[in-house]
Protein backbone atom coordinates (compact mmCIF):
# COMPACT_ATOMS: atom_id res chain seq x y z
CA UNK A 1 -7.98 -22.95 34.16
CA UNK A 2 -4.55 -23.94 32.87
CA UNK A 3 -6.09 -24.69 29.45
CA UNK A 4 -7.78 -21.26 29.45
CA UNK A 5 -4.44 -19.56 30.17
CA UNK A 6 -2.73 -21.52 27.39
CA UNK A 7 -5.45 -20.66 24.87
CA UNK A 8 -5.18 -17.02 25.87
CA UNK A 9 -1.41 -17.07 25.32
CA UNK A 10 -1.72 -18.83 21.94
CA UNK A 11 -4.42 -16.53 20.59
CA UNK A 12 -3.90 -13.22 22.35
CA UNK A 13 -0.24 -12.66 21.51
CA UNK A 14 -0.58 -12.48 17.69
CA UNK A 15 -3.76 -10.42 18.04
CA UNK A 16 -2.05 -8.00 20.44
CA UNK A 17 0.85 -7.72 18.00
CA UNK A 18 -1.62 -6.91 15.22
CA UNK A 19 -3.28 -4.35 17.48
CA UNK A 20 0.04 -2.67 18.27
CA UNK A 21 1.06 -2.50 14.60
CA UNK A 22 -2.28 -1.01 13.51
CA UNK A 23 -2.22 1.36 16.48
CA UNK A 24 1.28 2.57 15.58
CA UNK A 25 0.15 3.21 12.00
CA UNK A 26 -2.81 5.26 13.18
CA UNK A 27 -0.69 7.22 15.67
CA UNK A 28 1.66 8.21 12.84
CA UNK A 29 -1.11 9.06 10.36
CA UNK A 30 -1.31 12.84 11.01
CA UNK A 31 2.46 13.12 10.52
CA UNK A 32 2.35 11.20 7.24
CA UNK A 33 1.70 14.16 4.92
CA UNK A 34 3.51 17.18 3.41
CA UNK A 35 4.08 20.20 5.67
CA UNK A 36 1.51 22.21 3.75
CA UNK A 37 -1.30 20.10 5.22
CA UNK A 38 -2.44 19.34 8.74
CA UNK A 39 -5.18 16.73 9.10
CA UNK A 40 -5.76 17.19 5.36
CA UNK A 41 -6.40 20.94 5.71
CA UNK A 42 -4.28 23.46 3.78
CA UNK A 43 -2.13 25.37 6.29
CA UNK A 44 1.00 27.55 6.17
CA UNK A 45 4.23 25.44 6.33
CA UNK A 46 5.00 26.77 9.82
CA UNK A 47 1.53 25.94 11.20
CA UNK A 48 2.54 22.55 12.59
CA UNK A 49 4.79 24.32 15.11
CA UNK A 50 1.90 26.37 16.54
CA UNK A 51 0.04 25.66 19.78
CA UNK A 52 -3.18 24.94 17.85
CA UNK A 53 -1.51 22.20 15.78
CA UNK A 54 0.20 20.68 18.82
CA UNK A 55 -3.08 20.64 20.74
CA UNK A 56 -4.85 18.91 17.84
CA UNK A 57 -2.12 16.29 17.59
CA UNK A 58 -2.15 15.76 21.35
CA UNK A 59 -5.92 15.17 21.40
CA UNK A 60 -5.65 12.81 18.46
CA UNK A 61 -2.83 10.79 20.05
CA UNK A 62 -4.64 10.46 23.38
CA UNK A 63 -7.82 9.33 21.64
CA UNK A 64 -6.01 6.62 19.64
CA UNK A 65 -3.83 5.53 22.59
CA UNK A 66 -6.90 5.13 24.79
CA UNK A 67 -8.61 3.01 22.14
CA UNK A 68 -5.50 0.79 21.91
CA UNK A 69 -5.49 0.25 25.69
CA UNK A 70 -9.19 -0.60 25.85
CA UNK A 71 -8.92 -2.87 22.81
CA UNK A 72 -5.92 -4.68 24.36
CA UNK A 73 -7.93 -5.50 27.48
CA UNK A 74 -10.84 -6.68 25.32
CA UNK A 75 -8.56 -8.90 23.22
CA UNK A 76 -6.98 -10.50 26.29
CA UNK A 77 -10.42 -11.24 27.77
CA UNK A 78 -12.10 -12.40 24.55
CA UNK A 79 -9.25 -14.34 22.87
CA UNK A 80 -9.95 -17.69 24.60
CA UNK A 81 -13.73 -17.15 24.77
CA UNK A 82 -14.61 -15.58 21.41
CA UNK A 83 -11.63 -15.71 19.02
CA UNK A 84 -13.59 -14.30 16.07
CA UNK A 85 -14.68 -11.22 18.01
CA UNK A 86 -11.18 -10.69 19.40
CA UNK A 87 -9.76 -11.04 15.88
CA UNK A 88 -12.11 -8.32 14.64
CA UNK A 89 -11.37 -5.94 17.52
CA UNK A 90 -7.58 -6.08 17.14
CA UNK A 91 -7.32 -4.30 13.75
CA UNK A 92 -10.63 -2.42 13.72
CA UNK A 93 -10.54 -0.68 17.11
CA UNK A 94 -7.50 1.57 16.44
CA UNK A 95 -8.54 2.03 12.80
CA UNK A 96 -12.04 3.26 13.60
CA UNK A 97 -10.93 5.31 16.61
CA UNK A 98 -8.18 6.92 14.54
CA UNK A 99 -10.58 7.80 11.72
CA UNK A 100 -13.10 9.35 14.12
CA UNK A 101 -10.38 11.36 15.87
CA UNK A 102 -8.77 12.40 12.59
CA UNK A 103 -11.93 13.77 11.02
CA UNK A 104 -12.93 15.46 14.29
CA UNK A 105 -9.62 17.35 14.38
CA UNK A 106 -9.93 18.07 10.67
CA UNK A 107 -13.31 19.67 11.28
CA UNK A 108 -11.88 21.71 14.18
CA UNK A 109 -9.00 22.97 12.05
CA UNK A 110 -11.34 23.96 9.25
CA UNK A 111 -13.12 26.22 11.71
CA UNK A 112 -9.92 27.58 13.29
CA UNK A 113 -7.65 28.09 10.26
CA UNK A 114 -8.27 30.93 7.88
CA UNK A 115 -9.75 29.62 4.64
CA UNK A 116 -7.20 29.02 1.89
CA UNK A 117 -7.38 31.42 -1.08
CA UNK A 118 -9.12 30.31 -4.24
CA UNK A 119 -6.90 28.15 -6.43
CA UNK A 120 -6.87 27.71 -10.20
CA UNK A 121 -5.35 24.31 -11.09
CA UNK A 122 -2.19 24.56 -13.16
CA UNK A 123 -1.89 22.88 -16.59
CA UNK A 124 0.08 19.66 -16.93
CA UNK A 125 2.67 20.53 -19.56
CA UNK A 126 4.39 17.14 -19.41
CA UNK A 127 5.11 16.78 -23.13
CA UNK A 128 4.83 13.61 -25.20
CA UNK A 129 8.37 12.19 -25.07
CA UNK A 130 9.20 8.91 -23.38
CA UNK A 131 10.22 9.52 -19.77
CA UNK A 132 13.91 8.87 -18.95
CA UNK A 133 13.03 6.62 -16.00
CA UNK A 134 11.45 4.09 -18.39
CA UNK A 135 14.88 2.53 -19.01
CA UNK A 136 15.08 1.55 -15.32
CA UNK A 137 11.59 0.00 -15.36
CA UNK A 138 12.23 -2.52 -18.17
CA UNK A 139 15.08 -4.75 -16.81
CA UNK A 140 12.96 -6.54 -14.15
CA UNK A 141 10.87 -8.10 -16.93
CA UNK A 142 13.94 -10.15 -17.81
CA UNK A 143 13.75 -11.97 -14.46
CA UNK A 144 10.58 -14.07 -15.09
CA UNK A 145 11.70 -14.61 -18.68
CA UNK A 146 15.11 -15.94 -17.58
CA UNK A 147 13.41 -18.13 -14.98
CA UNK A 148 11.04 -19.56 -17.61
CA UNK A 149 13.97 -20.36 -19.91
CA UNK A 150 15.82 -22.06 -17.05
CA UNK A 151 12.79 -24.16 -16.15
CA UNK A 152 12.33 -25.12 -19.79
CA UNK A 153 15.96 -26.24 -19.99
CA UNK A 154 15.60 -28.30 -16.77
CA UNK A 155 12.10 -29.60 -17.35
CA UNK A 156 12.99 -33.17 -16.37
CA UNK A 157 14.10 -32.02 -12.90
CA UNK A 158 10.64 -30.64 -12.10
CA UNK A 159 8.55 -33.13 -10.07
CA UNK A 160 5.25 -34.30 -11.50
CA UNK A 161 3.56 -32.68 -8.48
CA UNK A 162 5.06 -29.87 -6.42
CA UNK A 163 3.84 -27.52 -3.64
CA UNK A 164 2.74 -23.98 -4.47
CA UNK A 165 1.14 -22.90 -1.17
CA UNK A 166 2.20 -23.31 2.44
CA UNK A 167 0.39 -22.89 5.75
CA UNK A 168 1.53 -20.81 8.70
CA UNK A 169 3.42 -23.86 10.03
CA UNK A 170 5.49 -24.05 6.84
CA UNK A 171 3.83 -27.26 5.65
CA UNK A 172 2.56 -27.36 2.03
CA UNK A 173 -1.21 -27.32 1.60
CA UNK A 174 -1.55 -26.52 -2.10
CA UNK A 175 -0.09 -28.35 -5.10
CA UNK A 176 0.46 -27.90 -8.83
CA UNK A 177 1.38 -30.31 -11.61
CA UNK A 178 4.19 -30.24 -14.15
CA UNK A 179 2.17 -28.61 -16.90
CA UNK A 180 2.73 -25.42 -18.85
CA UNK A 181 0.18 -23.64 -16.65
CA UNK A 182 1.48 -25.05 -13.40
CA UNK A 183 5.12 -24.21 -14.16
CA UNK A 184 4.89 -20.97 -16.14
CA UNK A 185 1.59 -19.62 -14.78
CA UNK A 186 3.07 -17.76 -11.75
CA UNK A 187 5.76 -16.22 -13.96
CA UNK A 188 3.20 -14.97 -16.48
CA UNK A 189 1.09 -13.67 -13.60
CA UNK A 190 4.11 -11.74 -12.28
CA UNK A 191 4.93 -10.32 -15.71
CA UNK A 192 1.33 -9.17 -16.15
CA UNK A 193 1.27 -7.56 -12.71
CA UNK A 194 4.57 -5.80 -13.43
CA UNK A 195 3.17 -4.55 -16.75
CA UNK A 196 0.12 -3.12 -14.95
CA UNK A 197 2.43 -1.31 -12.51
CA UNK A 198 4.45 0.11 -15.40
CA UNK A 199 1.33 1.30 -17.22
CA UNK A 200 0.05 2.89 -14.02
CA UNK A 201 3.38 4.69 -13.63
CA UNK A 202 3.17 6.00 -17.21
CA UNK A 203 -0.40 7.17 -16.62
CA UNK A 204 0.70 9.02 -13.49
CA UNK A 205 3.67 10.56 -15.31
CA UNK A 206 1.58 11.95 -18.17
CA UNK A 207 -1.54 12.65 -16.12
CA UNK A 208 -0.12 14.70 -13.25
CA UNK A 209 1.82 17.87 -12.55
CA UNK A 210 5.48 17.01 -12.06
CA UNK A 211 7.10 17.56 -8.68
CA UNK A 212 9.87 16.03 -6.55
CA UNK A 213 7.22 13.77 -5.02
CA UNK A 214 6.37 12.34 -8.45
CA UNK A 215 9.96 11.20 -8.90
CA UNK A 216 9.89 9.49 -5.49
CA UNK A 217 6.60 7.74 -6.32
CA UNK A 218 7.99 6.49 -9.62
CA UNK A 219 11.03 5.11 -7.78
CA UNK A 220 8.66 3.19 -5.51
CA UNK A 221 6.73 1.77 -8.47
CA UNK A 222 9.95 0.68 -10.16
CA UNK A 223 11.15 -0.85 -6.88
CA UNK A 224 7.89 -2.80 -6.65
CA UNK A 225 8.38 -4.21 -10.16
CA UNK A 226 11.91 -5.36 -9.26
CA UNK A 227 10.62 -6.95 -6.07
CA UNK A 228 7.78 -8.73 -7.88
CA UNK A 229 10.20 -10.01 -10.51
CA UNK A 230 12.61 -11.35 -7.88
CA UNK A 231 9.86 -12.77 -5.66
CA UNK A 232 7.98 -14.69 -8.36
CA UNK A 233 11.17 -15.80 -10.08
CA UNK A 234 12.34 -17.29 -6.79
CA UNK A 235 8.96 -18.92 -6.23
CA UNK A 236 9.03 -20.27 -9.79
CA UNK A 237 12.37 -21.95 -9.10
CA UNK A 238 11.21 -23.71 -5.93
CA UNK A 239 10.42 -27.00 -7.75
CA UNK A 240 14.08 -27.34 -8.78
CA UNK A 241 15.83 -25.60 -5.87
CA UNK A 242 16.19 -26.68 -2.25
CA UNK A 243 15.22 -23.47 -0.49
CA UNK A 244 12.62 -22.87 2.18
CA UNK A 245 9.53 -20.99 0.96
CA UNK A 246 9.52 -19.16 4.30
CA UNK A 247 12.41 -17.08 2.94
CA UNK A 248 10.03 -15.47 0.47
CA UNK A 249 7.31 -15.11 3.10
CA UNK A 250 9.77 -13.22 5.32
CA UNK A 251 10.88 -10.94 2.48
CA UNK A 252 7.39 -9.49 1.95
CA UNK A 253 7.00 -7.70 5.34
CA UNK A 254 10.63 -6.56 5.18
CA UNK A 255 10.00 -4.96 1.79
CA UNK A 256 6.70 -3.42 2.94
CA UNK A 257 8.36 -1.89 6.03
CA UNK A 258 11.16 -0.50 3.85
CA UNK A 259 8.59 1.10 1.54
CA UNK A 260 6.73 2.65 4.49
CA UNK A 261 9.94 4.07 5.97
CA UNK A 262 10.99 5.53 2.61
CA UNK A 263 7.50 6.94 2.00
CA UNK A 264 7.36 8.54 5.44
CA UNK A 265 10.80 10.08 4.96
CA UNK A 266 9.75 11.53 1.60
CA UNK A 267 6.37 12.77 2.84
CA UNK A 268 7.93 14.68 5.75
CA UNK A 269 10.90 16.05 3.75
CA UNK A 270 10.63 19.88 3.54
CA UNK A 271 11.85 19.66 -0.06
CA UNK A 272 8.70 17.72 -0.99
CA UNK A 273 6.49 20.70 -1.71
CA UNK A 274 2.73 20.25 -1.42
CA UNK A 275 0.70 20.53 -4.60
CA UNK A 276 -1.83 23.36 -4.47
CA UNK A 277 -5.37 22.12 -5.06
CA UNK A 278 -8.70 23.65 -3.96
CA UNK A 279 -9.77 22.68 -0.44
CA UNK A 280 -13.41 22.58 -1.46
CA UNK A 281 -12.69 19.81 -3.98
CA UNK A 282 -11.54 17.40 -1.27
CA UNK A 283 -13.97 15.19 0.66
CA UNK A 284 -12.68 14.11 4.08
CA UNK A 285 -9.21 15.11 2.94
CA UNK A 286 -8.73 12.03 0.78
CA UNK A 287 -11.20 12.02 -2.14
CA UNK A 288 -10.55 14.63 -4.85
CA UNK A 289 -13.25 15.64 -7.35
CA UNK A 290 -12.57 18.58 -9.64
CA UNK A 291 -13.84 18.48 -13.26
CA UNK A 292 -12.01 21.78 -13.94
CA UNK A 293 -8.60 20.31 -13.10
CA UNK A 294 -6.81 18.83 -16.16
CA UNK A 295 -4.79 16.47 -13.91
CA UNK A 296 -5.89 12.84 -13.72
CA UNK A 297 -3.69 12.30 -10.65
CA UNK A 298 -2.99 14.76 -7.83
CA UNK A 299 -0.88 14.59 -4.68
CA UNK A 300 -2.49 13.01 -1.65
CA UNK A 301 -3.13 15.15 1.40
CA UNK A 302 -3.08 12.17 3.75
CA UNK A 303 -0.24 9.73 3.28
CA UNK A 304 2.27 9.74 0.45
CA UNK A 305 1.80 9.46 -3.29
CA UNK A 306 -0.95 10.36 -5.73
CA UNK A 307 -4.66 9.79 -5.89
CA UNK A 308 -7.22 10.00 -8.67
CA UNK A 309 -9.07 13.14 -9.65
CA UNK A 310 -12.49 11.52 -9.78
CA UNK A 311 -13.83 14.52 -11.63
CA UNK A 312 -11.75 13.54 -14.67
CA UNK A 313 -13.37 10.92 -16.91
CA UNK A 314 -10.08 9.21 -17.71
CA UNK A 315 -9.51 8.49 -14.02
CA UNK A 316 -12.46 6.08 -14.07
CA UNK A 317 -11.16 4.44 -17.25
CA UNK A 318 -7.68 3.94 -15.76
CA UNK A 319 -9.01 2.76 -12.40
CA UNK A 320 -11.45 0.34 -14.02
CA UNK A 321 -8.79 -0.95 -16.43
CA UNK A 322 -6.31 -1.53 -13.59
CA UNK A 323 -8.76 -3.51 -11.45
CA UNK A 324 -10.01 -5.42 -14.48
CA UNK A 325 -6.42 -6.32 -15.30
CA UNK A 326 -5.73 -7.52 -11.74
CA UNK A 327 -8.96 -9.55 -11.71
CA UNK A 328 -8.09 -11.08 -15.09
CA UNK A 329 -4.62 -12.06 -13.87
CA UNK A 330 -6.05 -13.70 -10.75
CA UNK A 331 -8.53 -15.71 -12.84
CA UNK A 332 -5.74 -16.70 -15.23
CA UNK A 333 -3.54 -17.89 -12.35
CA UNK A 334 -6.34 -19.91 -10.74
CA UNK A 335 -7.14 -21.63 -14.06
CA UNK A 336 -3.46 -22.20 -14.90
CA UNK A 337 -2.76 -23.92 -11.58
CA UNK A 338 -5.70 -26.31 -11.76
């Protein structure tokens, strides 16, 4: 019995923490959108203050909260007996319950809210000049380059074999050798990933209608490139520096939380006007398909940022190119570290 209690404590706590985090995300989901939308439905800006909106939010919150409570009991019971099942329930229960509740309330609002008037998508009109924010996006590329030059100058200080991966206990469980691929591979991977982010930002800039939200999204993309440059440069210096790799592991969730807080603040800012797009071109409030819209990217109705107009041919080219680039970088890194 004592062993069962210990196993429950060891396994249940991290799973319950995961459950709480996912549950909090799902509870905040309906609030994570511009004021012109409620559950992905076009509404007047003042609609969220009405009794109908409050009732929809209340039903949604109760549904998700109940699923979190039931899932918590299931995790506590199953953690020592069936860890795999408990590990699946922790993230999936609030996610699935939230999705069901969200789309149920979305359907109810569609029936209750007067249909939005027909919309003709506006032209882009973004011009062909280089965007002024490009100057802020280039400096982070100097970070992996400077790190590579430093490593080249101190090549003899690099051990013949050094750790590149660590387990949850902080002990190394993956190694690389002092070769060009082993030393410079992560830095080239970071530079390639940063380049993909920059190209995606340029595609969004030229392929969308400009708005205050676009500027905020570009700031996030630039911030991500700086973070990637700093993170991989620090990791690249680990063979010659005495610093715990857990420092970099801890920085990732801190940065992610900061991005979420900034995104939520921007999404709920009244100054962040909602882009007008036809309701009938949205599927489940998140997938946009409109061949008549010249925009490749449009504002999301759920969450913050931009999504593809899947009715535009170039959206498939850009999406395919981005994922092909990421896949190519991953293959390159795996080969380089062998």
